[in-house]
Each structure stands twice: as C-alpha cells, then as structure tokens.
C-alpha cells in the first residue's frame, strides 16, 4: 500500500505534534532517555547544543527558506513538493523532502547547515530510520532519513496556542494518519 506525499507529510507532522504534546509544548526540552517512556530518543547534553537563535521568532517563510538553503548547502536534491496546507495550518508547518535517502556525510552537513542558521539539536533517534530533533524559536524540526517513504524529510511545526489548536482540530478532522 502506498501513501501520498501529502499524507506522508501529515503523518510526519502529526508525529512531531504528538512528540511535542507528549514531551512538552512551547519551548520545553525533550525528555531524557530515562524519562521518555521508552521511545528511544536520546536527549543532547545541554553543553553540546548550539546557542539559541537571537532575535525574533522566525516566520513560516524564513523557516521554509532555511530548510531549503540548509538542504542545498548539504548537497541534497529536492524531491516533489508537498501539497500546500491551507487555512491556519499554512503558517504552522514548513517542510522539505529529498529525492531519496541521504548518506551519512550529507546528513552531517545538513545538521551543520541547520545549526549555522540558528537551529539547536535537542535529541536523536537511531535505527531503523535515523532522526534528529531540533528547535528554533517556537519551531520544532524533525528530520528523518529512510523510513516509510524511504527518503529524507524535514518537517518543522510551530508551537503556540494558535498552531497547537489548529493541529488538534486537524487531527480530530483528519485523524492521526491524515
């Protein structure tokens, strides 16, 4: 059974929202491995994190541009664009999808490029589909490599009352699988 690109982005976004809801919303740090209920995310030590972004919270357009620029700097090739979200969700999700999985060197370059743009790594997940969680202002980014759609995907979701409520309404309407 195949999944549409829009469905894949919605599943990834719902997973990020579920992760944010389970581990803290609105700036809370991801739980440590001992506190996380066994989901295997490993929290980054506080001293290992890049400094927080200075200045205003990034806009949706800024986040989308940062994802594309970081991917380009890492030498990654974009895949087909995801369908654009409408309504309130349009300002709550920014994503970038590659044309396939990335090798280790490109993943490391992507992480570096994101950190140079003000993103902070907060947690990592190993196999079967490696993932990294990052934050920038009210935005939570998760990038996975491989997995269900066997590609690199970056999905950033915005925290805050408006977006949190929009995600809850969308999940109630669409269900957790889009």
Protein backbone atom coordinates (compact mmCIF):
# COMPACT_ATOMS: atom_id res chain seq x y z
CA UNK A 1 0.00 0.00 0.00
CA UNK A 2 1.46 3.41 -0.90
CA UNK A 3 0.99 6.70 0.84
CA UNK A 4 0.57 10.06 -0.89
CA UNK A 5 3.24 12.74 -0.33
CA UNK A 6 0.70 14.94 1.43
CA UNK A 7 -0.29 12.01 3.63
CA UNK A 8 3.37 11.31 4.42
CA UNK A 9 3.98 14.94 5.42
CA UNK A 10 0.80 14.93 7.53
CA UNK A 11 1.89 11.69 9.26
CA UNK A 12 5.33 13.18 9.93
CA UNK A 13 3.79 16.44 11.19
CA UNK A 14 1.31 14.55 13.37
CA UNK A 15 4.21 12.57 14.80
CA UNK A 16 6.09 15.76 15.61
CA UNK A 17 2.97 17.25 17.20
CA UNK A 18 2.39 14.05 19.17
CA UNK A 19 6.03 14.14 20.25
CA UNK A 20 5.73 17.79 21.26
CA UNK A 21 2.48 17.13 23.10
CA UNK A 22 3.87 14.13 24.95
CA UNK A 23 7.20 15.68 25.86
CA UNK A 24 6.32 19.33 26.26
CA UNK A 25 4.91 22.17 24.22
CA UNK A 26 6.04 25.75 23.85
CA UNK A 27 9.76 25.56 24.48
CA UNK A 28 10.13 22.62 26.83
CA UNK A 29 13.13 20.40 26.20
CA UNK A 30 12.62 16.83 25.05
CA UNK A 31 12.67 14.28 27.84
CA UNK A 32 15.79 12.30 28.62
CA UNK A 33 16.06 8.63 27.69
CA UNK A 34 15.19 7.68 31.29
CA UNK A 35 12.07 9.87 31.30
CA UNK A 36 10.76 9.42 27.79
CA UNK A 37 8.58 6.35 28.18
CA UNK A 38 10.90 4.13 26.15
CA UNK A 39 10.58 5.86 22.78
CA UNK A 40 14.39 5.65 22.32
CA UNK A 41 15.00 9.39 21.68
CA UNK A 42 18.32 10.38 23.24
CA UNK A 43 18.50 13.94 24.54
CA UNK A 44 21.51 16.06 23.63
CA UNK A 45 23.58 17.24 26.61
CA UNK A 46 22.94 20.94 27.27
CA UNK A 47 26.60 21.87 26.74
CA UNK A 48 26.64 20.19 23.31
CA UNK A 49 23.80 22.30 21.93
CA UNK A 50 24.38 25.29 19.68
CA UNK A 51 23.39 28.64 21.19
CA UNK A 52 19.74 29.63 20.86
CA UNK A 53 18.68 31.86 17.97
CA UNK A 54 18.98 35.53 18.76
CA UNK A 55 16.21 37.95 17.81
CA UNK A 56 12.61 37.44 16.74
CA UNK A 57 10.88 34.12 16.31
CA UNK A 58 11.35 33.03 12.67
CA UNK A 59 8.37 33.34 10.33
CA UNK A 60 6.98 30.46 8.29
CA UNK A 61 8.69 31.86 5.19
CA UNK A 62 12.02 32.14 7.00
CA UNK A 63 11.81 28.55 8.25
CA UNK A 64 10.87 27.20 4.80
CA UNK A 65 13.78 29.13 3.25
CA UNK A 66 16.18 27.87 5.93
CA UNK A 67 15.19 24.25 5.33
CA UNK A 68 15.73 24.61 1.56
CA UNK A 69 19.01 26.52 1.98
CA UNK A 70 20.41 24.02 4.51
CA UNK A 71 19.48 21.10 2.25
CA UNK A 72 21.13 22.80 -0.74
CA UNK A 73 24.25 23.56 1.32
CA UNK A 74 24.43 19.86 2.23
CA UNK A 75 24.27 18.91 -1.47
CA UNK A 76 20.81 17.35 -1.23
CA UNK A 77 18.41 17.23 -4.16
CA UNK A 78 14.75 18.12 -3.53
CA UNK A 79 12.01 15.68 -4.36
CA UNK A 80 8.47 16.55 -5.38
CA UNK A 81 6.92 19.39 -3.40
CA UNK A 82 4.31 18.52 -0.81
CA UNK A 83 0.77 19.87 -1.16
CA UNK A 84 0.45 23.29 0.48
CA UNK A 85 -1.50 23.35 3.73
CA UNK A 86 -4.47 25.71 3.80
CA UNK A 87 -6.01 27.85 6.49
CA UNK A 88 -4.38 28.24 9.88
CA UNK A 89 -2.12 25.21 9.33
CA UNK A 90 -0.42 27.00 6.43
CA UNK A 91 1.62 29.04 8.91
CA UNK A 92 2.23 26.12 11.26
CA UNK A 93 4.07 23.59 9.05
CA UNK A 94 7.15 24.02 6.88
CA UNK A 95 8.71 21.03 5.15
CA UNK A 96 11.32 19.92 2.66
CA UNK A 97 11.56 16.46 1.11
CA UNK A 98 14.52 14.95 -0.67
CA UNK A 99 14.51 12.72 -3.72
CA UNK A 100 15.66 9.71 -1.66
CA UNK A 101 17.60 8.86 1.49
CA UNK A 102 20.83 10.76 2.21
CA UNK A 103 24.22 9.29 3.08
CA UNK A 104 25.90 9.94 6.45
CA UNK A 105 28.15 12.73 5.19
CA UNK A 106 25.22 14.68 3.77
CA UNK A 107 23.19 14.18 6.95
CA UNK A 108 26.09 15.60 8.97
CA UNK A 109 26.38 18.53 6.53
CA UNK A 110 22.61 19.15 6.80
CA UNK A 111 22.78 19.23 10.59
CA UNK A 112 25.72 21.66 10.46
CA UNK A 113 23.94 23.89 7.96
CA UNK A 114 20.83 23.99 10.16
CA UNK A 115 22.89 24.84 13.24
CA UNK A 116 24.57 27.66 11.30
CA UNK A 117 21.07 29.04 10.67
CA UNK A 118 20.17 29.06 14.38
CA UNK A 119 18.65 25.59 14.86
CA UNK A 120 19.62 23.65 18.01
CA UNK A 121 19.77 19.85 18.16
CA UNK A 122 17.73 18.60 21.11
CA UNK A 123 17.54 14.82 20.57
CA UNK A 124 18.47 11.94 18.27
CA UNK A 125 16.89 8.64 17.36
CA UNK A 126 18.83 5.73 15.84
CA UNK A 127 17.70 2.91 13.61
CA UNK A 128 15.56 1.79 11.84
CA UNK A 129 15.07 5.32 10.45
CA UNK A 130 17.59 7.77 11.93
CA UNK A 131 16.04 11.05 13.06
CA UNK A 132 17.19 14.32 14.63
CA UNK A 133 15.01 16.78 16.56
CA UNK A 134 15.93 20.48 16.52
CA UNK A 135 14.39 23.73 17.74
CA UNK A 136 14.47 27.34 16.63
CA UNK A 137 12.27 29.79 18.49
CA UNK A 138 8.75 28.33 18.60
CA UNK A 139 9.58 25.89 15.78
CA UNK A 140 10.30 22.17 16.28
CA UNK A 141 12.03 20.41 13.40
CA UNK A 142 12.40 16.70 12.94
CA UNK A 143 14.32 15.21 10.08
CA UNK A 144 14.20 11.53 9.28
CA UNK A 145 16.17 9.56 6.76
CA UNK A 146 14.62 6.46 5.24
CA UNK A 147 11.58 5.06 6.97
CA UNK A 148 8.12 4.57 5.48
CA UNK A 149 8.66 6.68 2.36
CA UNK A 150 12.42 5.83 2.09
CA UNK A 151 13.52 9.43 1.70
CA UNK A 152 14.95 12.29 3.70
CA UNK A 153 12.22 14.52 5.06
CA UNK A 154 12.35 17.67 7.14
CA UNK A 155 9.13 18.70 8.88
CA UNK A 156 9.02 21.78 11.09
CA UNK A 157 5.97 22.56 13.20
CA UNK A 158 5.29 25.75 15.11
CA UNK A 159 4.29 25.65 18.76
CA UNK A 160 1.92 28.16 20.30
CA UNK A 161 -1.74 28.47 21.08
CA UNK A 162 -2.92 29.11 17.51
CA UNK A 163 -0.93 26.29 15.91
CA UNK A 164 -1.47 23.82 18.77
CA UNK A 165 -5.23 24.33 18.43
CA UNK A 166 -5.03 24.04 14.62
CA UNK A 167 -3.16 20.73 14.95
CA UNK A 168 -5.76 19.41 17.41
CA UNK A 169 -8.62 20.40 15.07
CA UNK A 170 -6.85 18.88 12.05
CA UNK A 171 -6.20 15.61 13.88
CA UNK A 172 -9.83 15.45 15.03
CA UNK A 173 -10.98 16.09 11.44
CA UNK A 174 -8.42 14.03 9.50
CA UNK A 175 -7.43 11.52 12.13
CA UNK A 176 -3.83 10.79 13.11
CA UNK A 177 -2.97 9.33 9.69
CA UNK A 178 -4.18 12.27 7.59
